Protein backbone atom coordinates (compact mmCIF):
# COMPACT_ATOMS: atom_id res chain seq x y z
CA MET A 1 -78.42 10.92 23.20
CA PRO A 2 -74.82 12.25 23.10
CA ASN A 3 -72.76 11.84 19.95
CA ASP A 4 -69.86 9.41 20.53
CA ASN A 5 -67.95 10.71 17.51
CA HIS A 6 -66.84 13.90 19.26
CA LEU A 7 -63.56 13.77 21.12
CA PRO A 8 -63.37 15.04 24.67
CA ALA A 9 -61.92 18.54 24.92
CA GLU A 10 -58.55 17.34 26.27
CA GLU A 11 -58.00 14.87 23.43
CA GLY A 12 -58.92 17.52 20.85
CA ASN A 13 -56.48 19.99 22.38
CA THR A 14 -53.73 17.35 22.45
CA SER A 15 -54.36 16.53 18.80
CA ASN A 16 -54.22 20.21 17.83
CA GLN A 17 -51.01 20.66 19.85
CA ASN A 18 -49.42 17.66 18.10
CA ILE A 19 -50.32 19.03 14.69
CA LEU A 20 -48.96 22.46 15.65
CA MET A 21 -45.71 20.87 16.91
CA LEU A 22 -45.29 18.91 13.66
CA VAL A 23 -45.85 22.06 11.60
CA LEU A 24 -43.34 23.99 13.72
CA LEU A 25 -40.83 21.14 13.45
CA ALA A 26 -41.23 21.00 9.65
CA CYS A 27 -40.80 24.79 9.43
CA SER A 28 -37.69 24.65 11.64
CA LEU A 29 -36.13 21.93 9.49
CA ALA A 30 -36.96 23.88 6.31
CA ILE A 31 -35.30 27.00 7.76
CA LEU A 32 -32.21 24.94 8.68
CA GLY A 33 -32.11 23.58 5.13
CA PHE A 34 -32.30 27.11 3.75
CA ILE A 35 -29.59 28.50 6.05
CA TYR A 36 -27.17 25.62 5.50
CA PHE A 37 -28.01 25.06 1.82
CA ASP A 38 -24.56 25.93 0.43
CA GLY A 39 -22.72 23.65 2.85
CA LEU A 40 -25.17 20.80 2.26
CA ALA A 41 -25.00 21.25 -1.52
CA TYR A 42 -21.19 21.08 -1.38
CA MET A 43 -21.41 17.96 0.77
CA ALA A 44 -23.74 16.30 -1.76
CA LYS A 45 -21.28 17.26 -4.53
CA VAL A 46 -18.45 15.54 -2.64
CA TRP A 47 -20.66 12.45 -2.26
CA GLU A 48 -20.48 12.01 -6.04
CA ARG A 49 -16.83 10.94 -5.68
CA ASP A 50 -16.10 7.24 -5.27
CA GLU A 51 -14.53 7.55 -1.82
CA TYR A 52 -17.60 9.31 -0.37
CA SER A 53 -20.41 7.65 -2.35
CA HIS A 54 -21.65 6.10 0.91
CA GLY A 55 -22.75 9.57 2.03
CA TYR A 56 -26.15 9.26 0.33
CA MET A 57 -27.04 6.25 2.49
CA ILE A 58 -26.03 7.63 5.87
CA PRO A 59 -29.04 9.95 6.47
CA LEU A 60 -31.38 7.12 5.46
CA VAL A 61 -29.70 4.65 7.81
CA ALA A 62 -29.75 7.23 10.63
CA MET A 63 -33.49 7.77 10.10
CA PHE A 64 -34.02 4.01 10.17
CA ILE A 65 -32.08 3.75 13.45
CA ALA A 66 -34.21 6.54 14.94
CA TRP A 67 -37.41 4.93 13.62
CA GLN A 68 -36.49 1.64 15.29
CA ARG A 69 -36.34 3.43 18.64
CA GLN A 70 -39.56 5.43 18.18
CA TRP A 71 -41.43 3.28 20.72
CA LEU A 72 -38.92 4.33 23.36
CA ILE A 73 -39.40 8.01 22.54
CA GLN A 74 -43.19 7.66 22.66
CA ASN A 75 -43.00 6.04 26.10
CA LEU A 76 -40.80 8.82 27.51
CA HIS A 77 -43.43 11.59 27.28
CA SER A 78 -40.51 14.02 27.22
CA ASN A 79 -41.02 17.75 26.75
CA GLY A 80 -38.72 20.01 24.83
CA SER A 81 -35.88 21.90 26.45
CA TRP A 82 -34.78 25.51 26.19
CA TRP A 83 -31.20 24.24 26.06
CA GLY A 84 -31.90 23.59 22.41
CA VAL A 85 -31.92 27.35 21.82
CA VAL A 86 -28.46 27.61 23.41
CA PHE A 87 -27.16 24.79 21.19
CA LEU A 88 -28.74 26.48 18.18
CA MET A 89 -26.89 29.71 18.96
CA VAL A 90 -23.61 27.78 19.16
CA GLY A 91 -24.44 26.02 15.87
CA LEU A 92 -25.18 29.33 14.17
CA PHE A 93 -21.93 30.80 15.53
CA VAL A 94 -19.95 27.86 14.09
CA PHE A 95 -21.88 28.32 10.83
CA LEU A 96 -20.85 31.97 10.75
CA LEU A 97 -17.20 31.01 11.34
CA GLY A 98 -17.42 28.47 8.53
CA GLU A 99 -18.98 30.96 6.12
CA LEU A 100 -16.44 33.67 6.94
CA SER A 101 -13.49 31.30 6.58
CA SER A 102 -14.97 29.43 3.57
CA LEU A 103 -14.58 26.11 5.38
CA TYR A 104 -17.57 24.01 4.38
CA THR A 105 -16.55 21.37 6.91
CA LEU A 106 -17.35 23.81 9.72
CA VAL A 107 -20.68 24.66 8.08
CA GLN A 108 -21.55 20.96 7.82
CA TYR A 109 -20.70 20.25 11.46
CA ALA A 110 -22.67 23.36 12.44
CA PHE A 111 -25.64 21.89 10.58
CA LEU A 112 -25.44 18.71 12.65
CA LEU A 113 -25.21 20.77 15.85
CA SER A 114 -28.21 22.85 14.79
CA LEU A 115 -30.16 19.70 13.90
CA LEU A 116 -29.40 18.36 17.36
CA ALA A 117 -30.46 21.71 18.85
CA VAL A 118 -33.82 21.64 17.08
CA SER A 119 -34.36 18.06 18.25
CA VAL A 120 -33.54 18.98 21.85
CA SER A 121 -35.89 21.96 21.62
CA PHE A 122 -38.81 19.86 20.44
CA PHE A 123 -38.24 16.48 22.12
CA GLY A 124 -35.93 17.11 25.09
CA PHE A 125 -32.71 15.49 26.24
CA ARG A 126 -34.22 12.16 27.23
CA ALA A 127 -35.54 11.56 23.73
CA ILE A 128 -32.19 12.48 22.17
CA VAL A 129 -30.37 10.10 24.52
CA ALA A 130 -32.74 7.36 23.31
CA ILE A 131 -31.66 7.89 19.69
CA TRP A 132 -28.07 9.04 20.25
CA ALA A 133 -26.76 6.37 17.84
CA ALA A 134 -28.65 7.92 14.92
CA PHE A 135 -27.15 11.35 15.61
CA ALA A 136 -23.67 9.92 16.13
CA TYR A 137 -23.92 8.03 12.83
CA LEU A 138 -24.65 11.26 10.94
CA ILE A 139 -21.06 12.39 11.60
CA PHE A 140 -19.86 9.91 8.96
CA MET A 141 -21.73 11.71 6.18
CA ILE A 142 -19.46 14.75 6.49
CA PRO A 143 -16.36 14.52 4.28
CA LEU A 144 -13.01 14.84 6.01
CA PRO A 145 -11.11 18.10 5.48
CA VAL A 146 -8.80 17.82 2.46
CA PHE A 147 -5.53 18.10 4.44
CA LEU A 148 -6.64 15.35 6.82
CA TYR A 149 -7.96 13.14 4.02
CA ASN A 150 -4.72 13.40 2.04
CA SER A 151 -2.49 12.62 5.02
CA LEU A 152 -4.66 9.71 6.16
CA SER A 153 -5.08 8.38 2.63
CA GLY A 154 -1.32 8.07 2.09
CA GLU A 155 -0.83 6.26 5.37
CA LEU A 156 -3.78 3.96 4.76
CA GLN A 157 -2.46 3.13 1.28
CA LEU A 158 0.78 1.91 2.83
CA ILE A 159 -1.11 -0.13 5.45
CA SER A 160 -3.29 -1.68 2.71
CA SER A 161 -0.17 -2.54 0.72
CA ALA A 162 1.47 -4.18 3.74
CA LEU A 163 -1.68 -6.18 4.51
CA GLY A 164 -1.93 -7.32 0.89
CA VAL A 165 1.70 -8.49 0.92
CA ALA A 166 1.15 -10.30 4.24
CA VAL A 167 -1.81 -12.20 2.75
CA VAL A 168 0.17 -13.13 -0.38
CA ARG A 169 3.14 -14.29 1.74
CA ALA A 170 0.76 -16.39 3.87
CA PHE A 171 0.16 -18.46 0.72
CA ASP A 172 3.95 -18.92 0.39
CA ILE A 173 4.23 -16.76 -2.73
CA SER A 174 7.35 -14.68 -3.24
CA VAL A 175 6.49 -10.99 -3.21
CA TYR A 176 8.35 -7.71 -2.81
CA LEU A 177 6.86 -4.45 -1.55
CA GLU A 178 8.20 -1.03 -2.47
CA GLY A 179 6.06 1.85 -1.19
CA ASN A 180 2.59 1.06 -2.45
CA VAL A 181 3.74 -1.15 -5.35
CA ILE A 182 3.46 -4.91 -4.87
CA ASP A 183 5.99 -6.72 -7.10
CA LEU A 184 5.16 -10.36 -7.88
CA GLY A 185 7.94 -10.74 -10.43
CA SER A 186 5.95 -10.99 -13.66
CA TYR A 187 3.22 -8.71 -12.32
CA GLN A 188 3.31 -5.40 -10.50
CA LEU A 189 0.25 -4.21 -8.60
CA GLN A 190 -0.14 -0.66 -7.40
CA VAL A 191 -2.34 0.05 -4.38
CA VAL A 192 -4.17 3.16 -5.52
CA GLU A 193 -5.80 5.84 -3.38
CA ALA A 194 -9.26 4.23 -3.55
CA CYS A 195 -7.86 1.10 -1.85
CA SER A 196 -7.02 3.08 1.26
């Protein structure tokens, strides 16, 4: 009598291939983490500031978005693509530019490109299209370059001040705005950088 506990040869091979793919994927992600460690460490350091404290949540939310679409990926039966290697080369080139110019922002964007490249290599384009929102959301974890942040922050402070004055005036309260200082007569409120 044959033993029913043994898997057919095809199922056993598929199981071994899946385990091998998971090991290779884990190794690839570990190598990416090692290569981009300095840029990622700097990004985590910036996340400690109030204006970027949301950065810790973004990878978790992106993983949740991808997890919600896992059924779609499983139904695709998509194979990896060699285009991932091309994207990885581009990502490593941008990483090299970032390292040579000491621009961590370039290194961080290169990490996202390399992460996308590894995903394309293992899962293919169709799977990535299925979870494009998760990858797009990861862009928000990268801090803006300082020159862009400072210029945007000043403008957004003024917009926040104007909106605050408009709300106060909607309640028929006399208010005067000078720059980012809201003057209510007996009180003066300053719209600080965090309010932008």
